[in-house]
C-alpha atoms as a PDB file:
ATOM      1  CA  MET A   1     -26.484  93.803 -89.314  1.00  0.00           C
ATOM      2  CA  THR A   2     -27.795  97.143 -88.286  1.00  0.00           C
ATOM      3  CA  PRO A   3     -28.658  97.437 -84.616  1.00  0.00           C
ATOM      4  CA  ASP A   4     -32.018  98.907 -83.652  1.00  0.00           C
ATOM      5  CA  ALA A   5     -32.363 102.055 -81.550  1.00  0.00           C
ATOM      6  CA  ALA A   6     -31.398 100.175 -78.363  1.00  0.00           C
ATOM      7  CA  GLY A   7     -28.245  98.781 -80.002  1.00  0.00           C
ATOM      8  CA  ASP A   8     -29.605  95.225 -80.206  1.00  0.00           C
ATOM      9  CA  THR A   9     -28.843  92.935 -83.136  1.00  0.00           C
ATOM     10  CA  SER A  10     -31.716  90.544 -82.418  1.00  0.00           C
ATOM     11  CA  VAL A  11     -35.234  90.602 -81.035  1.00  0.00           C
ATOM     12  CA  ARG A  12     -37.585  87.956 -79.613  1.00  0.00           C
ATOM     13  CA  ALA A  13     -39.638  86.192 -82.287  1.00  0.00           C
ATOM     14  CA  ASP A  14     -42.973  86.956 -80.608  1.00  0.00           C
ATOM     15  CA  VAL A  15     -42.094  90.646 -80.289  1.00  0.00           C
ATOM     16  CA  TRP A  16     -41.005  90.942 -83.932  1.00  0.00           C
ATOM     17  CA  LEU A  17     -44.128  89.164 -85.242  1.00  0.00           C
ATOM     18  CA  TRP A  18     -46.257  91.529 -83.145  1.00  0.00           C
ATOM     19  CA  ARG A  19     -44.330  94.635 -84.270  1.00  0.00           C
ATOM     20  CA  ALA A  20     -44.672  93.534 -87.905  1.00  0.00           C
ATOM     21  CA  ARG A  21     -48.436  93.267 -87.287  1.00  0.00           C
ATOM     22  CA  PHE A  22     -48.838  89.595 -88.108  1.00  0.00           C
ATOM     23  CA  PHE A  23     -50.705  89.265 -84.781  1.00  0.00           C
ATOM     24  CA  ARG A  24     -52.956  91.708 -82.959  1.00  0.00           C
ATOM     25  CA  THR A  25     -51.359  91.197 -79.527  1.00  0.00           C
ATOM     26  CA  ARG A  26     -48.021  89.980 -78.280  1.00  0.00           C
ATOM     27  CA  ALA A  27     -49.792  87.272 -76.270  1.00  0.00           C
ATOM     28  CA  LEU A  28     -51.396  85.913 -79.471  1.00  0.00           C
ATOM     29  CA  SER A  29     -48.011  86.012 -81.176  1.00  0.00           C
ATOM     30  CA  ALA A  30     -46.338  84.092 -78.347  1.00  0.00           C
ATOM     31  CA  ALA A  31     -49.160  81.525 -78.239  1.00  0.00           C
ATOM     32  CA  HIS A  32     -48.896  80.957 -81.991  1.00  0.00           C
ATOM     33  CA  VAL A  33     -45.140  80.368 -81.802  1.00  0.00           C
ATOM     34  CA  ARG A  34     -45.604  77.935 -78.888  1.00  0.00           C
ATOM     35  CA  GLN A  35     -48.401  76.010 -80.609  1.00  0.00           C
ATOM     36  CA  SER A  36     -47.358  76.058 -84.280  1.00  0.00           C
ATOM     37  CA  GLY A  37     -43.685  76.991 -84.251  1.00  0.00           C
ATOM     38  CA  LEU A  38     -41.550  78.880 -86.753  1.00  0.00           C
ATOM     39  CA  ARG A  39     -38.876  77.950 -89.238  1.00  0.00           C
ATOM     40  CA  VAL A  40     -35.993  80.420 -89.274  1.00  0.00           C
ATOM     41  CA  SER A  41     -33.189  80.280 -91.811  1.00  0.00           C
ATOM     42  CA  HIS A  42     -30.070  82.403 -91.987  1.00  0.00           C
ATOM     43  CA  GLY A  43     -26.986  81.814 -94.088  1.00  0.00           C
ATOM     44  CA  GLY A  44     -28.232  78.440 -95.282  1.00  0.00           C
ATOM     45  CA  LEU A  45     -28.837  77.099 -91.761  1.00  0.00           C
ATOM     46  CA  ILE A  46     -32.440  76.239 -90.911  1.00  0.00           C
ATOM     47  CA  ARG A  47     -33.752  75.948 -87.378  1.00  0.00           C
ATOM     48  CA  ARG A  48     -37.221  75.207 -86.127  1.00  0.00           C
ATOM     49  CA  THR A  49     -38.429  76.647 -82.864  1.00  0.00           C
ATOM     50  CA  ASP A  50     -41.510  76.737 -80.682  1.00  0.00           C
ATOM     51  CA  LYS A  51     -39.984  79.216 -78.245  1.00  0.00           C
ATOM     52  CA  PRO A  52     -41.417  82.766 -78.357  1.00  0.00           C
ATOM     53  CA  GLY A  53     -38.093  84.107 -77.033  1.00  0.00           C
ATOM     54  CA  ALA A  54     -36.069  82.688 -79.954  1.00  0.00           C
ATOM     55  CA  PRO A  55     -33.916  85.468 -81.432  1.00  0.00           C
ATOM     56  CA  LEU A  56     -34.565  86.912 -84.883  1.00  0.00           C
ATOM     57  CA  ALA A  57     -31.994  89.057 -86.672  1.00  0.00           C
ATOM     58  CA  VAL A  58     -31.912  91.151 -89.828  1.00  0.00           C
ATOM     59  CA  GLY A  59     -31.511  88.843 -92.815  1.00  0.00           C
ATOM     60  CA  ASP A  60     -33.378  85.908 -91.269  1.00  0.00           C
ATOM     61  CA  ILE A  61     -36.048  84.197 -93.351  1.00  0.00           C
ATOM     62  CA  VAL A  62     -39.057  83.394 -91.170  1.00  0.00           C
ATOM     63  CA  THR A  63     -41.667  80.864 -92.301  1.00  0.00           C
ATOM     64  CA  PHE A  64     -44.866  80.262 -90.355  1.00  0.00           C
ATOM     65  CA  GLY A  65     -48.482  79.316 -90.836  1.00  0.00           C
ATOM     66  CA  LYS A  66     -51.262  81.839 -90.423  1.00  0.00           C
ATOM     67  CA  GLY A  67     -54.739  80.453 -90.965  1.00  0.00           C
ATOM     68  CA  ALA A  68     -54.690  78.404 -94.167  1.00  0.00           C
ATOM     69  CA  ASP A  69     -51.634  80.275 -95.501  1.00  0.00           C
ATOM     70  CA  ILE A  70     -47.918  79.655 -95.092  1.00  0.00           C
ATOM     71  CA  LEU A  71     -45.979  82.914 -95.013  1.00  0.00           C
ATOM     72  CA  SER A  72     -42.272  83.378 -95.698  1.00  0.00           C
ATOM     73  CA  VAL A  73     -40.754  86.774 -95.059  1.00  0.00           C
ATOM     74  CA  GLU A  74     -37.257  88.210 -94.868  1.00  0.00           C
ATOM     75  CA  VAL A  75     -36.520  90.317 -91.783  1.00  0.00           C
ATOM     76  CA  LEU A  76     -35.346  93.739 -93.027  1.00  0.00           C
ATOM     77  CA  ASP A  77     -35.433  95.608 -89.721  1.00  0.00           C
ATOM     78  CA  LEU A  78     -36.075  94.744 -86.081  1.00  0.00           C
ATOM     79  CA  GLY A  79     -38.182  97.795 -85.326  1.00  0.00           C
ATOM     80  CA  SER A  80     -38.303  99.563 -82.010  1.00  0.00           C
ATOM     81  CA  ARG A  81     -42.060  99.725 -81.474  1.00  0.00           C
ATOM     82  CA  ARG A  82     -45.388  98.564 -82.853  1.00  0.00           C
ATOM     83  CA  GLY A  83     -46.124 101.424 -85.189  1.00  0.00           C
ATOM     84  CA  PRO A  84     -48.585 102.119 -87.975  1.00  0.00           C
ATOM     85  CA  ALA A  85     -49.098  99.627 -90.806  1.00  0.00           C
ATOM     86  CA  ASP A  86     -46.667 101.402 -93.159  1.00  0.00           C
ATOM     87  CA  GLU A  87     -43.939 101.235 -90.533  1.00  0.00           C
ATOM     88  CA  ALA A  88     -44.718  97.563 -89.853  1.00  0.00           C
ATOM     89  CA  ARG A  89     -44.513  96.642 -93.562  1.00  0.00           C
ATOM     90  CA  ALA A  90     -41.021  98.165 -93.686  1.00  0.00           C
ATOM     91  CA  LEU A  91     -39.827  95.501 -91.215  1.00  0.00           C
ATOM     92  CA  TYR A  92     -40.085  92.641 -93.740  1.00  0.00           C
ATOM     93  CA  ARG A  93     -40.142  91.621 -97.386  1.00  0.00           C
ATOM     94  CA  PRO A  94     -42.612  88.902 -98.418  1.00  0.00           C
ATOM     95  CA  LEU A  95     -41.000  86.055-100.343  1.00  0.00           C
ATOM     96  CA  GLU A  96     -42.609  84.235-103.225  1.00  0.00           C
ATOM     97  CA  SER A  97     -44.029  80.886-102.254  1.00  0.00           C
ATOM     98  CA  ASP A  98     -43.233  77.729-104.197  1.00  0.00           C
ATOM     99  CA  PRO A  99     -46.082  76.676-106.531  1.00  0.00           C
END
């Protein structure tokens, strides 16, 4: 794993979802995680969480609902700030959903 600018190898789930621009505010991101939860898989291990402070690391696969859609993305970078859309899209790779 590549540490971010602060030397960290993980970041809070709510912060990463906000930095990746899945939610407009960090408060909305945290509320979504608390209410709907996330599924995080890494190295074949799957864990479900409803804690906004759950750690995410590079290589994790994050699955969550957003509206009527279920999104699965691979974490490519942790980011160090909430930047422009191009920077946010570089934080993840969308995965194909099962038909």
